[in-house]
N, C-alpha and C. Protein backbone atom coordinates (compact mmCIF):
# COMPACT_ATOMS: atom_id res chain seq x y z
N MET A 1 20.95 -15.37 -44.08
CA MET A 1 21.15 -13.69 -45.00
C MET A 1 19.87 -13.12 -43.97
N ALA A 2 20.36 -11.98 -43.42
CA ALA A 2 19.18 -11.52 -42.59
C ALA A 2 18.05 -10.32 -43.43
N VAL A 3 17.13 -10.46 -43.40
CA VAL A 3 15.50 -10.05 -44.53
C VAL A 3 15.41 -8.82 -43.14
N THR A 4 15.27 -7.69 -44.33
CA THR A 4 14.99 -6.31 -43.39
C THR A 4 13.44 -6.39 -43.61
N PHE A 5 12.13 -5.73 -42.64
CA PHE A 5 10.90 -5.38 -43.25
C PHE A 5 10.98 -3.79 -42.44
N THR A 6 10.53 -2.79 -43.29
CA THR A 6 10.43 -1.78 -42.37
C THR A 6 9.54 -1.22 -42.79
N ASP A 7 8.59 -0.05 -41.46
CA ASP A 7 7.79 0.90 -41.53
C ASP A 7 6.40 -0.51 -41.50
N LEU A 8 6.39 -1.35 -40.45
CA LEU A 8 4.93 -2.51 -41.01
C LEU A 8 3.89 -1.99 -40.02
N TYR A 9 3.92 -0.46 -39.62
CA TYR A 9 3.10 0.13 -39.56
C TYR A 9 2.21 0.66 -40.64
N THR A 10 2.72 0.90 -41.84
CA THR A 10 2.42 1.24 -42.70
C THR A 10 1.49 0.30 -43.86
N GLU A 11 0.80 0.56 -44.42
CA GLU A 11 0.43 -0.24 -45.46
C GLU A 11 1.39 -1.13 -46.71
N ALA A 12 2.33 0.00 -46.95
CA ALA A 12 3.38 -0.67 -48.20
C ALA A 12 4.43 -1.36 -47.06
N GLY A 13 4.15 -1.07 -45.81
CA GLY A 13 5.43 -1.97 -45.06
C GLY A 13 4.84 -3.70 -44.63
N LEU A 14 3.74 -3.32 -44.50
CA LEU A 14 2.41 -4.70 -44.77
C LEU A 14 2.15 -5.70 -46.15
N LYS A 15 2.58 -4.66 -46.85
CA LYS A 15 2.49 -5.60 -48.02
C LYS A 15 3.65 -6.06 -48.52
N SER A 16 4.88 -4.92 -48.26
CA SER A 16 6.23 -5.81 -48.15
C SER A 16 6.28 -7.71 -47.36
N LEU A 17 6.10 -7.77 -46.26
CA LEU A 17 5.54 -8.37 -45.15
C LEU A 17 4.40 -10.03 -46.03
N GLU A 18 3.06 -9.08 -46.32
CA GLU A 18 2.74 -9.54 -46.93
C GLU A 18 3.33 -10.93 -48.12
N ALA A 19 3.85 -10.30 -48.90
CA ALA A 19 4.68 -10.91 -50.32
C ALA A 19 5.90 -11.73 -49.79
N TYR A 20 6.21 -11.78 -48.77
CA TYR A 20 7.20 -12.05 -48.21
C TYR A 20 6.87 -13.35 -47.25
N LEU A 21 5.68 -13.73 -46.95
CA LEU A 21 4.89 -14.86 -46.31
C LEU A 21 4.55 -15.78 -47.08
N SER A 22 4.15 -15.31 -48.47
CA SER A 22 3.14 -16.14 -49.43
C SER A 22 3.87 -17.57 -49.19
N GLY A 23 3.48 -18.73 -49.21
CA GLY A 23 4.02 -19.85 -49.23
C GLY A 23 4.38 -20.29 -47.46
N LYS A 24 4.50 -19.05 -46.66
CA LYS A 24 5.59 -19.66 -45.24
C LYS A 24 4.24 -19.38 -44.10
N THR A 25 4.43 -20.61 -42.86
CA THR A 25 4.11 -20.26 -41.92
C THR A 25 4.68 -19.04 -40.93
N TYR A 26 6.06 -19.36 -41.38
CA TYR A 26 6.55 -18.53 -40.39
C TYR A 26 7.70 -17.60 -40.80
N ILE A 27 8.49 -16.37 -40.58
CA ILE A 27 9.63 -15.62 -41.04
C ILE A 27 11.14 -16.77 -41.14
N SER A 28 11.15 -17.58 -40.51
CA SER A 28 12.84 -18.09 -40.74
C SER A 28 12.15 -19.84 -40.94
N GLY A 29 11.99 -20.06 -41.70
CA GLY A 29 11.65 -22.12 -41.28
C GLY A 29 10.37 -22.33 -41.19
N ASP A 30 10.16 -23.66 -40.54
CA ASP A 30 8.57 -24.29 -40.18
C ASP A 30 8.30 -24.46 -38.57
N GLN A 31 9.12 -23.34 -37.40
CA GLN A 31 8.97 -23.35 -36.24
C GLN A 31 9.18 -21.74 -35.89
N LEU A 32 8.37 -21.06 -34.67
CA LEU A 32 8.88 -19.46 -33.98
C LEU A 32 9.83 -19.41 -33.93
N THR A 33 10.55 -18.24 -34.51
CA THR A 33 11.80 -18.29 -33.98
C THR A 33 12.17 -16.41 -33.49
N LYS A 34 13.22 -16.54 -32.66
CA LYS A 34 13.04 -15.27 -32.90
C LYS A 34 13.09 -13.50 -33.29
N ASP A 35 13.48 -14.45 -35.06
CA ASP A 35 12.57 -13.20 -36.15
C ASP A 35 11.60 -12.96 -35.85
N ASP A 36 10.48 -14.50 -35.78
CA ASP A 36 9.12 -13.69 -35.31
C ASP A 36 8.73 -13.26 -35.00
N ILE A 37 9.10 -13.59 -33.12
CA ILE A 37 8.84 -12.17 -32.18
C ILE A 37 9.42 -10.32 -32.65
N LYS A 38 10.16 -10.12 -33.17
CA LYS A 38 10.57 -9.29 -33.57
C LYS A 38 9.87 -8.62 -34.86
N VAL A 39 9.66 -9.15 -35.27
CA VAL A 39 8.46 -8.76 -36.48
C VAL A 39 7.15 -8.13 -35.74
N TYR A 40 6.68 -9.38 -35.12
CA TYR A 40 5.50 -8.97 -34.48
C TYR A 40 5.34 -8.10 -33.57
N ALA A 41 6.71 -7.93 -32.52
CA ALA A 41 6.95 -6.70 -31.98
C ALA A 41 6.40 -5.47 -32.98
N ALA A 42 7.09 -5.47 -34.15
CA ALA A 42 6.92 -4.05 -35.21
C ALA A 42 5.10 -3.71 -36.41
N VAL A 43 4.49 -4.87 -35.98
CA VAL A 43 2.92 -4.93 -35.96
C VAL A 43 1.95 -4.28 -35.50
N LEU A 44 2.17 -2.98 -35.09
CA LEU A 44 0.86 -2.66 -34.27
C LEU A 44 -0.13 -2.83 -33.11
N GLU A 45 -0.99 -3.94 -34.87
CA GLU A 45 -2.07 -4.39 -34.56
C GLU A 45 -2.15 -5.57 -35.73
N LYS A 46 -3.85 -6.76 -35.06
CA LYS A 46 -3.64 -7.50 -36.21
C LYS A 46 -4.58 -6.55 -37.47
N PRO A 47 -3.41 -7.33 -38.44
CA PRO A 47 -3.84 -6.75 -40.20
C PRO A 47 -5.09 -6.96 -40.64
N ALA A 48 -5.49 -6.57 -41.43
CA ALA A 48 -7.07 -6.58 -42.14
C ALA A 48 -6.76 -7.88 -42.77
N SER A 49 -7.71 -7.81 -43.22
CA SER A 49 -8.16 -9.49 -44.14
C SER A 49 -7.86 -9.07 -45.19
N SER A 50 -7.16 -8.21 -45.41
CA SER A 50 -6.70 -7.80 -47.02
C SER A 50 -5.23 -8.23 -47.12
N PHE A 51 -4.64 -8.56 -45.97
CA PHE A 51 -3.43 -9.31 -45.89
C PHE A 51 -3.55 -10.54 -45.50
N PRO A 52 -4.04 -11.27 -45.97
CA PRO A 52 -4.31 -12.83 -45.80
C PRO A 52 -3.02 -13.45 -45.19
N ASN A 53 -2.06 -13.44 -45.48
CA ASN A 53 -0.80 -14.46 -45.09
C ASN A 53 -0.51 -13.53 -44.43
N VAL A 54 -0.35 -12.07 -43.54
CA VAL A 54 0.46 -11.59 -42.92
C VAL A 54 -0.79 -11.71 -41.42
N SER A 55 -2.04 -11.57 -41.86
CA SER A 55 -3.12 -11.89 -40.89
C SER A 55 -2.59 -13.21 -40.26
N LYS A 56 -2.79 -14.56 -41.31
CA LYS A 56 -2.78 -15.68 -40.59
C LYS A 56 -1.35 -16.44 -39.77
N TRP A 57 -0.38 -15.36 -40.29
CA TRP A 57 0.83 -15.18 -39.36
C TRP A 57 0.83 -14.91 -38.35
N TYR A 58 -0.09 -13.58 -37.90
CA TYR A 58 -0.38 -12.47 -36.96
C TYR A 58 -0.95 -13.85 -36.25
N ASP A 59 -1.76 -14.67 -36.28
CA ASP A 59 -2.34 -15.43 -35.30
C ASP A 59 -1.46 -16.56 -34.68
N CYS A 60 -0.82 -17.16 -35.39
CA CYS A 60 -0.12 -18.04 -35.44
C CYS A 60 0.65 -18.13 -34.17
N VAL A 61 1.57 -16.37 -34.69
CA VAL A 61 2.99 -16.03 -33.24
C VAL A 61 1.59 -15.72 -31.83
N SER A 62 0.63 -15.10 -32.60
CA SER A 62 -0.30 -15.16 -31.28
C SER A 62 -0.74 -15.89 -30.09
N SER A 63 -0.96 -17.41 -30.96
CA SER A 63 -1.37 -18.13 -30.17
C SER A 63 -0.28 -19.45 -29.37
N GLN A 64 0.77 -18.91 -30.30
CA GLN A 64 2.41 -19.36 -29.34
C GLN A 64 2.72 -18.94 -28.15
N LEU A 65 2.48 -17.10 -28.38
CA LEU A 65 3.12 -16.41 -27.63
C LEU A 65 1.80 -16.87 -25.66
N ALA A 66 0.39 -16.99 -26.32
CA ALA A 66 -0.20 -16.66 -24.94
C ALA A 66 -0.57 -18.46 -23.91
N LYS A 67 0.31 -19.38 -24.80
CA LYS A 67 0.88 -20.36 -24.33
C LYS A 67 1.89 -19.96 -22.83
N SER A 68 2.84 -19.01 -23.65
CA SER A 68 4.26 -18.72 -22.96
C SER A 68 3.45 -17.57 -21.55
N PHE A 69 2.81 -16.52 -22.31
CA PHE A 69 2.07 -16.08 -21.30
C PHE A 69 0.90 -15.80 -21.02
N PRO A 70 0.18 -16.77 -20.29
CA PRO A 70 -1.55 -17.20 -19.68
C PRO A 70 -1.57 -15.80 -19.25
N GLY A 71 -0.85 -15.23 -18.70
CA GLY A 71 -1.72 -13.84 -18.13
C GLY A 71 -2.81 -13.02 -19.12
N LYS A 72 -3.64 -12.08 -18.62
CA LYS A 72 -4.36 -11.46 -19.46
C LYS A 72 -3.88 -10.32 -19.67
N ALA A 73 -4.07 -10.23 -20.80
CA ALA A 73 -2.83 -8.48 -21.64
C ALA A 73 -4.24 -7.44 -21.30
N VAL A 74 -3.89 -6.45 -20.72
CA VAL A 74 -5.15 -5.10 -20.93
C VAL A 74 -5.08 -4.65 -22.38
N GLY A 75 -3.63 -4.48 -23.08
CA GLY A 75 -3.29 -4.18 -24.27
C GLY A 75 -2.45 -2.80 -23.92
N VAL A 76 -1.82 -2.71 -25.18
CA VAL A 76 -0.75 -1.95 -24.63
C VAL A 76 -0.28 -0.56 -26.30
N ARG A 77 -0.49 0.19 -26.81
CA ARG A 77 0.52 0.71 -28.04
C ARG A 77 1.42 1.04 -28.16
N VAL A 78 2.74 0.95 -28.86
CA VAL A 78 3.75 1.94 -28.93
C VAL A 78 3.67 2.16 -30.11
N SER A 79 3.89 4.00 -30.03
CA SER A 79 4.10 4.64 -31.47
C SER A 79 5.46 4.11 -32.00
N ASN A 80 5.17 4.01 -33.36
CA ASN A 80 6.80 4.47 -34.25
C ASN A 80 7.12 4.89 -35.31
N GLN A 81 8.56 5.63 -35.55
CA GLN A 81 8.52 7.34 -35.99
C GLN A 81 9.26 5.97 -36.89
N ALA A 82 9.23 7.50 -38.10
CA ALA A 82 10.06 6.73 -38.84
C ALA A 82 11.28 7.31 -38.76
N ALA A 83 12.33 6.71 -39.14
CA ALA A 83 13.55 6.92 -39.27
C ALA A 83 13.90 8.45 -40.31
N PRO A 84 14.83 9.78 -39.38
CA PRO A 84 14.90 10.69 -40.13
C PRO A 84 15.61 10.88 -41.11
N ALA A 85 15.14 12.00 -42.27
CA ALA A 85 16.34 11.47 -43.93
C ALA A 85 17.72 11.85 -43.29
N GLY A 86 18.49 10.68 -44.22
CA GLY A 86 19.81 10.55 -44.19
C GLY A 86 20.52 10.26 -42.63
N ALA A 87 19.30 9.43 -42.23
CA ALA A 87 19.62 8.69 -40.75
C ALA A 87 20.48 7.32 -42.00
N ALA A 88 21.61 6.83 -41.02
CA ALA A 88 22.52 5.89 -41.50
C ALA A 88 21.49 4.28 -40.76
N PRO A 89 21.52 3.48 -41.82
CA PRO A 89 20.47 2.36 -41.60
C PRO A 89 21.68 1.42 -40.33
N ALA A 90 20.62 0.66 -39.72
CA ALA A 90 20.73 0.29 -38.30
C ALA A 90 22.15 -1.08 -38.64
N ALA A 91 22.93 -1.74 -37.84
CA ALA A 91 23.79 -2.46 -37.94
C ALA A 91 23.02 -3.44 -37.97
N ALA A 92 23.09 -4.79 -38.75
CA ALA A 92 22.65 -5.94 -39.00
C ALA A 92 22.95 -6.83 -37.81
N PRO A 93 21.60 -6.72 -36.91
CA PRO A 93 21.96 -7.81 -35.14
C PRO A 93 22.56 -9.21 -35.81
N LYS A 94 24.13 -9.31 -34.62
CA LYS A 94 24.65 -10.37 -35.04
C LYS A 94 23.47 -11.77 -34.57
N ALA A 95 23.88 -12.89 -35.05
CA ALA A 95 23.31 -14.20 -35.02
C ALA A 95 23.85 -14.59 -33.77
N ALA A 96 22.03 -14.88 -33.07
CA ALA A 96 21.85 -15.35 -31.95
C ALA A 96 22.28 -17.06 -31.58
N ALA A 97 23.36 -17.25 -30.60
CA ALA A 97 24.00 -18.10 -30.37
C ALA A 97 22.64 -19.37 -29.56
N GLU A 98 21.94 -18.54 -29.21
CA GLU A 98 21.03 -19.59 -28.57
C GLU A 98 19.80 -20.48 -29.41
N ASP A 99 19.04 -21.36 -28.27
CA ASP A 99 18.36 -21.95 -29.56
C ASP A 99 17.49 -21.18 -29.64
N ASP A 100 16.70 -21.09 -31.07
CA ASP A 100 15.39 -20.00 -31.40
C ASP A 100 14.15 -20.43 -30.63
N ASP A 101 13.86 -21.31 -30.14
CA ASP A 101 13.03 -22.25 -29.74
C ASP A 101 13.05 -20.69 -28.05
N ASP A 102 14.06 -21.04 -27.74
CA ASP A 102 13.79 -19.62 -26.34
C ASP A 102 13.41 -18.52 -27.37
N LEU A 103 11.82 -17.83 -26.49
CA LEU A 103 11.96 -16.86 -26.77
C LEU A 103 12.40 -15.86 -25.62
N ASP A 104 12.70 -14.88 -26.69
CA ASP A 104 13.91 -13.25 -26.15
C ASP A 104 12.60 -12.08 -26.67
N LEU A 105 11.71 -11.67 -26.00
CA LEU A 105 11.40 -10.68 -26.07
C LEU A 105 11.85 -9.16 -26.16
N PHE A 106 13.23 -8.91 -25.76
CA PHE A 106 13.62 -8.04 -25.44
C PHE A 106 15.08 -7.41 -26.25
N GLY A 107 15.76 -8.68 -26.41
CA GLY A 107 16.87 -8.39 -26.82
C GLY A 107 17.79 -8.22 -26.12
N ASP A 108 19.01 -7.29 -26.60
CA ASP A 108 20.20 -6.79 -26.05
C ASP A 108 19.43 -4.99 -25.46
N GLU A 109 20.43 -4.84 -24.64
CA GLU A 109 19.86 -3.03 -23.96
C GLU A 109 20.39 -2.42 -25.11
N THR A 110 19.92 -1.52 -25.12
CA THR A 110 20.40 0.01 -26.09
C THR A 110 20.68 1.08 -25.07
N GLU A 111 21.43 1.96 -26.00
CA GLU A 111 21.52 3.27 -24.96
C GLU A 111 20.83 3.58 -24.80
N GLU A 112 19.75 3.24 -25.19
CA GLU A 112 18.61 5.12 -25.06
C GLU A 112 17.30 4.14 -24.14
N ASP A 113 17.58 2.44 -24.12
CA ASP A 113 17.45 1.62 -22.72
C ASP A 113 17.48 2.37 -21.84
N LYS A 114 19.07 2.22 -21.65
CA LYS A 114 20.38 2.83 -20.67
C LYS A 114 19.75 4.31 -20.10
N LYS A 115 19.47 4.75 -20.86
CA LYS A 115 18.99 6.16 -20.64
C LYS A 115 17.85 6.29 -19.52
N ALA A 116 16.60 5.47 -19.94
CA ALA A 116 15.43 5.58 -20.43
C ALA A 116 15.96 5.23 -18.40
N ALA A 117 16.29 3.92 -18.14
CA ALA A 117 16.11 3.43 -17.25
C ALA A 117 17.36 4.43 -15.87
N GLU A 118 18.31 4.39 -16.36
CA GLU A 118 19.18 5.63 -15.19
C GLU A 118 18.41 7.15 -14.59
N GLU A 119 17.38 7.56 -15.71
CA GLU A 119 16.28 8.31 -15.66
C GLU A 119 15.24 8.31 -14.50
N ILE A 120 15.05 7.00 -14.86
CA ILE A 120 13.86 6.38 -13.85
C ILE A 120 13.87 6.45 -12.61
N GLN A 121 15.80 5.85 -12.18
CA GLN A 121 16.31 5.64 -10.97
C GLN A 121 17.03 6.68 -10.19
N ALA A 122 17.16 7.81 -10.91
CA ALA A 122 17.19 8.90 -10.44
C ALA A 122 16.04 9.69 -10.00
N ALA A 123 14.80 9.55 -10.92
CA ALA A 123 13.84 9.89 -10.34
C ALA A 123 13.02 9.49 -8.74
N LYS A 124 13.71 8.05 -8.66
CA LYS A 124 13.12 7.63 -7.18
C LYS A 124 14.18 7.66 -6.08
N LYS A 125 15.24 8.05 -6.20
CA LYS A 125 16.07 8.89 -5.50
C LYS A 125 15.20 10.53 -4.89
N PRO A 126 15.45 10.27 -3.48
CA PRO A 126 14.96 11.40 -2.86
C PRO A 126 15.79 12.51 -3.17
N SER A 127 15.26 13.99 -3.34
CA SER A 127 15.62 14.99 -3.25
C SER A 127 16.92 15.31 -2.61
N ALA A 128 18.19 15.89 -2.70
CA ALA A 128 19.42 15.96 -1.86
C ALA A 128 18.89 16.98 -0.63
N LYS A 129 18.21 18.17 -2.00
CA LYS A 129 17.80 19.50 -0.41
C LYS A 129 16.06 18.66 -0.05
N LYS A 130 15.88 18.61 1.17
CA LYS A 130 14.36 18.77 1.62
C LYS A 130 13.96 19.85 1.54
N LYS A 131 13.09 19.88 0.94
CA LYS A 131 12.14 21.44 1.28
C LYS A 131 11.57 22.22 2.76
N GLU A 132 12.87 23.41 3.04
CA GLU A 132 12.02 23.43 4.41
C GLU A 132 10.64 23.96 4.65
N SER A 133 10.14 23.58 6.05
CA SER A 133 8.82 24.06 5.96
C SER A 133 8.85 24.85 6.48
N GLY A 134 7.25 26.38 6.84
CA GLY A 134 7.89 27.10 6.95
C GLY A 134 7.08 27.15 8.06
N LYS A 135 7.48 28.80 8.66
CA LYS A 135 7.84 29.02 10.21
C LYS A 135 6.60 30.34 10.79
N SER A 136 6.14 29.98 11.78
CA SER A 136 5.66 31.28 12.39
C SER A 136 5.57 31.84 13.43
N SER A 137 5.36 32.77 13.85
CA SER A 137 5.72 33.25 14.70
C SER A 137 4.34 34.22 16.12
N VAL A 138 4.14 33.59 17.09
CA VAL A 138 2.87 33.82 18.01
C VAL A 138 3.39 34.33 18.92
N LEU A 139 2.36 34.98 19.23
CA LEU A 139 2.09 36.06 21.00
C LEU A 139 1.22 35.13 21.55
N LEU A 140 1.36 35.03 22.80
CA LEU A 140 0.03 33.99 23.55
C LEU A 140 -0.06 34.63 24.84
N ASP A 141 -1.56 34.80 25.24
CA ASP A 141 -1.81 35.27 26.22
C ASP A 141 -1.96 33.91 27.35
N VAL A 142 -1.17 33.51 28.29
CA VAL A 142 -1.77 32.85 29.40
C VAL A 142 -2.12 33.36 30.30
N LYS A 143 -3.71 33.16 31.14
CA LYS A 143 -4.13 33.64 32.11
C LYS A 143 -4.11 32.99 33.41
N PRO A 144 -3.78 33.36 34.49
CA PRO A 144 -4.04 32.16 35.98
C PRO A 144 -5.52 32.08 36.33
N TRP A 145 -5.30 31.53 37.01
CA TRP A 145 -6.95 31.67 38.01
C TRP A 145 -7.67 32.52 38.73
N ASP A 146 -6.53 33.49 39.39
CA ASP A 146 -6.72 34.45 40.45
C ASP A 146 -5.69 35.12 40.33
N ASP A 147 -5.50 36.37 41.78
CA ASP A 147 -4.46 36.84 41.98
C ASP A 147 -3.30 36.13 42.70
N GLU A 148 -3.88 34.81 43.38
CA GLU A 148 -3.16 33.88 44.22
C GLU A 148 -2.28 32.65 43.43
N THR A 149 -2.60 32.45 42.17
CA THR A 149 -2.06 31.71 41.41
C THR A 149 -0.58 32.59 41.34
N ASP A 150 0.56 31.06 41.50
CA ASP A 150 2.12 31.41 41.01
C ASP A 150 2.52 31.88 39.44
N MET A 151 2.96 33.13 39.40
CA MET A 151 3.40 33.58 38.12
C MET A 151 4.62 32.47 37.90
N LYS A 152 5.20 32.38 39.06
CA LYS A 152 6.57 31.90 38.23
C LYS A 152 6.52 30.49 38.12
N LYS A 153 5.31 29.70 39.02
CA LYS A 153 5.50 28.08 38.44
C LYS A 153 4.55 28.03 37.02
N LEU A 154 3.35 28.90 37.05
CA LEU A 154 2.79 29.04 35.27
C LEU A 154 3.53 29.22 34.64
N GLU A 155 4.77 30.01 34.68
CA GLU A 155 6.07 29.88 33.46
C GLU A 155 6.58 28.64 33.48
N GLU A 156 6.76 28.36 34.39
CA GLU A 156 7.86 27.23 34.04
C GLU A 156 6.56 26.08 34.06
N ALA A 157 5.36 25.97 34.28
CA ALA A 157 4.90 24.92 33.72
C ALA A 157 4.76 25.31 32.00
N VAL A 158 4.51 26.22 31.81
CA VAL A 158 4.44 26.58 30.02
C VAL A 158 5.94 25.85 29.22
N ARG A 159 6.85 26.21 30.17
CA ARG A 159 8.03 26.42 29.58
C ARG A 159 8.67 24.72 29.75
N SER A 160 8.19 24.45 30.55
CA SER A 160 8.45 23.11 30.24
C SER A 160 7.41 21.21 29.39
N ILE A 161 6.75 22.35 28.44
CA ILE A 161 6.28 22.14 27.38
C ILE A 161 7.27 21.78 25.85
N GLU A 162 7.65 21.03 26.08
CA GLU A 162 8.31 20.47 24.85
C GLU A 162 7.48 19.28 23.62
N MET A 163 8.06 20.06 22.44
CA MET A 163 7.13 19.61 21.19
C MET A 163 8.43 19.76 20.02
N GLU A 164 8.53 18.70 18.90
CA GLU A 164 9.50 19.13 17.51
C GLU A 164 8.97 20.08 17.03
N GLY A 165 9.42 20.99 16.69
CA GLY A 165 9.15 22.26 15.92
C GLY A 165 8.77 23.40 16.99
N LEU A 166 9.00 23.60 18.28
CA LEU A 166 8.09 24.06 19.47
C LEU A 166 9.29 24.65 19.72
N PHE A 167 9.55 26.02 19.36
CA PHE A 167 10.62 27.04 20.62
C PHE A 167 9.87 27.93 21.27
N TRP A 168 10.11 28.10 22.93
CA TRP A 168 9.80 28.87 23.50
C TRP A 168 10.96 30.17 23.69
N GLY A 169 9.68 31.68 23.72
CA GLY A 169 10.84 32.92 23.18
C GLY A 169 10.62 34.09 25.06
N ALA A 170 10.81 35.30 24.48
CA ALA A 170 10.75 35.91 25.83
C ALA A 170 9.36 35.71 26.26
N SER A 171 9.12 36.46 27.82
CA SER A 171 7.97 36.69 27.62
C SER A 171 7.79 37.54 29.05
N LYS A 172 6.49 38.41 29.21
CA LYS A 172 6.63 39.71 30.80
C LYS A 172 5.31 38.94 31.24
N LEU A 173 4.72 39.71 32.37
CA LEU A 173 3.59 39.86 32.76
C LEU A 173 2.92 40.87 32.57
N VAL A 174 2.27 40.86 32.41
CA VAL A 174 1.12 41.80 31.83
C VAL A 174 0.25 42.06 32.64
N PRO A 175 -0.83 43.27 33.90
CA PRO A 175 -1.36 43.56 34.25
C PRO A 175 -2.73 43.73 34.17
N VAL A 176 -3.98 42.45 34.00
CA VAL A 176 -4.60 42.84 33.96
C VAL A 176 -6.03 43.39 34.84
N GLY A 177 -5.99 43.48 35.98
CA GLY A 177 -6.85 44.49 37.00
C GLY A 177 -6.85 43.67 38.12
N TYR A 178 -7.37 43.98 39.06
CA TYR A 178 -7.68 43.77 40.63
C TYR A 178 -6.67 42.65 41.01
N GLY A 179 -4.98 42.99 40.64
CA GLY A 179 -4.17 42.36 41.60
C GLY A 179 -3.65 41.40 39.95
N ILE A 180 -4.75 41.09 39.30
CA ILE A 180 -4.28 39.89 38.54
C ILE A 180 -3.35 39.76 37.51
N LYS A 181 -2.28 39.06 36.84
CA LYS A 181 -1.48 39.48 35.70
C LYS A 181 -1.67 38.33 35.26
N LYS A 182 -1.02 38.53 33.53
CA LYS A 182 -1.12 37.00 32.82
C LYS A 182 0.38 37.44 32.41
N LEU A 183 0.36 35.92 31.97
CA LEU A 183 1.46 35.76 31.32
C LEU A 183 1.87 36.48 29.84
N GLN A 184 2.29 36.78 29.29
CA GLN A 184 2.58 36.86 27.51
C GLN A 184 3.48 36.99 27.21
N ILE A 185 3.41 35.48 26.17
CA ILE A 185 4.93 35.23 25.56
C ILE A 185 4.91 33.99 23.91
N MET A 186 6.33 35.15 23.90
CA MET A 186 6.38 34.23 22.49
C MET A 186 6.94 33.28 22.04
N LEU A 187 6.13 32.41 21.32
CA LEU A 187 6.67 31.46 20.89
C LEU A 187 6.88 31.22 19.01
N THR A 188 7.64 30.30 18.37
CA THR A 188 8.38 30.00 17.09
C THR A 188 7.58 28.70 16.87
N ILE A 189 7.10 28.32 15.73
CA ILE A 189 6.62 27.02 16.11
C ILE A 189 6.77 26.76 13.98
N VAL A 190 7.37 25.22 14.07
CA VAL A 190 7.37 25.19 12.86
C VAL A 190 5.51 24.53 12.05
N ASP A 191 5.50 25.23 10.94
CA ASP A 191 4.43 24.91 10.87
C ASP A 191 3.18 23.34 10.40
N ASP A 192 4.28 22.67 9.94
CA ASP A 192 4.34 21.01 9.70
C ASP A 192 3.90 20.82 10.74
N LEU A 193 4.93 20.75 12.10
CA LEU A 193 4.64 20.29 12.88
C LEU A 193 4.33 20.34 14.17
N VAL A 194 3.42 22.18 14.59
CA VAL A 194 3.28 22.02 15.15
C VAL A 194 1.70 23.14 15.57
N SER A 195 0.53 22.53 15.86
CA SER A 195 -0.58 23.34 15.95
C SER A 195 -0.88 24.54 17.67
N VAL A 196 -0.95 25.67 17.02
CA VAL A 196 -1.20 25.93 18.25
C VAL A 196 -2.00 25.81 18.85
N ASP A 197 -3.47 25.76 18.39
CA ASP A 197 -5.28 24.69 18.80
C ASP A 197 -4.86 23.80 19.92
N THR A 198 -3.92 22.56 19.03
CA THR A 198 -4.02 21.40 19.84
C THR A 198 -2.46 21.59 20.54
N LEU A 199 -1.50 22.39 21.12
CA LEU A 199 -1.19 22.81 22.03
C LEU A 199 -1.76 23.15 22.90
N ILE A 200 -2.47 24.47 23.03
CA ILE A 200 -3.27 25.12 23.80
C ILE A 200 -4.72 23.97 24.85
N GLU A 201 -5.38 23.46 23.62
CA GLU A 201 -5.93 22.64 24.06
C GLU A 201 -5.37 21.03 24.47
N GLU A 202 -4.46 20.81 23.97
CA GLU A 202 -4.04 19.18 24.49
C GLU A 202 -3.02 19.60 25.53
N ARG A 203 -2.04 20.40 26.09
CA ARG A 203 -1.66 20.89 26.91
C ARG A 203 -1.26 21.78 27.92
N LEU A 204 -1.45 22.72 27.23
CA LEU A 204 -1.23 24.15 28.07
C LEU A 204 -2.59 24.06 29.03
N THR A 205 -3.66 23.65 28.38
CA THR A 205 -5.00 23.68 29.59
C THR A 205 -5.37 22.38 30.54
N VAL A 206 -4.66 21.35 29.82
CA VAL A 206 -5.07 20.18 31.05
C VAL A 206 -4.15 19.58 31.79
N GLU A 207 -4.07 19.02 32.59
CA GLU A 207 -2.80 18.39 33.11
C GLU A 207 -1.94 18.41 33.01
N PRO A 208 -0.69 18.52 33.94
CA PRO A 208 -0.67 19.01 34.92
C PRO A 208 -1.00 20.99 34.91
N CYS A 209 -0.47 21.73 33.88
CA CYS A 209 -1.07 22.85 33.23
C CYS A 209 -2.40 23.41 34.01
N ASP A 210 -3.01 22.92 34.14
CA ASP A 210 -4.69 23.32 34.16
C ASP A 210 -4.62 24.19 35.98
N GLU A 211 -3.09 23.33 36.48
CA GLU A 211 -3.53 23.63 38.23
C GLU A 211 -3.23 25.42 38.69
N TRP A 212 -2.16 26.27 37.37
CA TRP A 212 -1.90 27.53 37.59
C TRP A 212 -2.28 28.11 36.34
N ILE A 213 -2.73 27.59 35.09
CA ILE A 213 -3.43 28.32 33.90
C ILE A 213 -5.51 28.24 33.46
N GLN A 214 -5.59 29.07 33.32
CA GLN A 214 -7.02 28.87 33.49
C GLN A 214 -7.69 29.31 32.07
N SER A 215 -6.67 29.58 30.84
CA SER A 215 -6.75 29.91 29.71
C SER A 215 -6.01 30.50 28.91
N CYS A 216 -5.95 30.26 27.53
CA CYS A 216 -4.68 31.29 26.79
C CYS A 216 -5.45 31.55 25.33
N ASP A 217 -5.19 32.21 25.26
CA ASP A 217 -5.54 33.15 23.62
C ASP A 217 -4.37 33.51 23.07
N ILE A 218 -4.70 33.31 21.72
CA ILE A 218 -3.79 33.89 20.90
C ILE A 218 -3.97 35.17 20.15
N VAL A 219 -2.97 36.25 20.57
CA VAL A 219 -2.66 37.27 20.44
C VAL A 219 -2.15 38.01 18.97
N ALA A 220 -1.16 37.90 18.90
CA ALA A 220 -0.67 37.53 17.17
C ALA A 220 -0.33 35.93 16.71
N PHE A 221 -0.67 36.08 15.57
CA PHE A 221 0.02 35.13 14.41
C PHE A 221 0.76 35.25 13.09
N ASN A 222 1.46 35.45 12.80
CA ASN A 222 2.51 35.69 11.55
C ASN A 222 3.06 34.79 11.19
N LYS A 223 3.50 34.73 9.60
CA LYS A 223 4.19 33.58 8.74
C LYS A 223 5.79 34.53 8.95
N ILE A 224 6.34 33.54 9.59
CA ILE A 224 7.80 33.88 8.56
C ILE A 224 8.56 34.32 7.55
């Protein structure tokens, strides 16, 4: 006949277990069984010395478990909550077909366990809608070395630079003075992919572009 213990996290619950264990070493018979494991899991911590039978039983179960699980535990606590008033009592568990000597710490998976597992798996899945990165519109001044620089080739050199997240736009030649013109060109960048400073320092003002380009300046930078 199944024995029921309730509220083992309270003094009243431990008193009922204390009385039951009087003259007994284990919950069912003279060997460790699943019944001991279930009750052990419901007792939050080793009972005080005011419960000698429970304390002795707790030590016996702990010793047996230590042999099966030699790893060093850091210690966890699980909160127990009393069932709401009027709640239907839980159905008595079916008798296990397996040998009681085989420890089953987890038992059958409940609906709550399944729901929690599904929520964990759903959280691991990548978001169906990837967050869109911000973009910026940039106006760049590209200055030649002198009035003899071929501005057509200068612009071709600029537009030959290809990077993920970089889009060249409209351009025009603007007089600077003494017959020199500069190239003023629009570009759109994806902020997470392109740095304008890196574009200038590592692509526009180094070989082979530096054959035509003397320097570059950011005229305007606006978030889109």
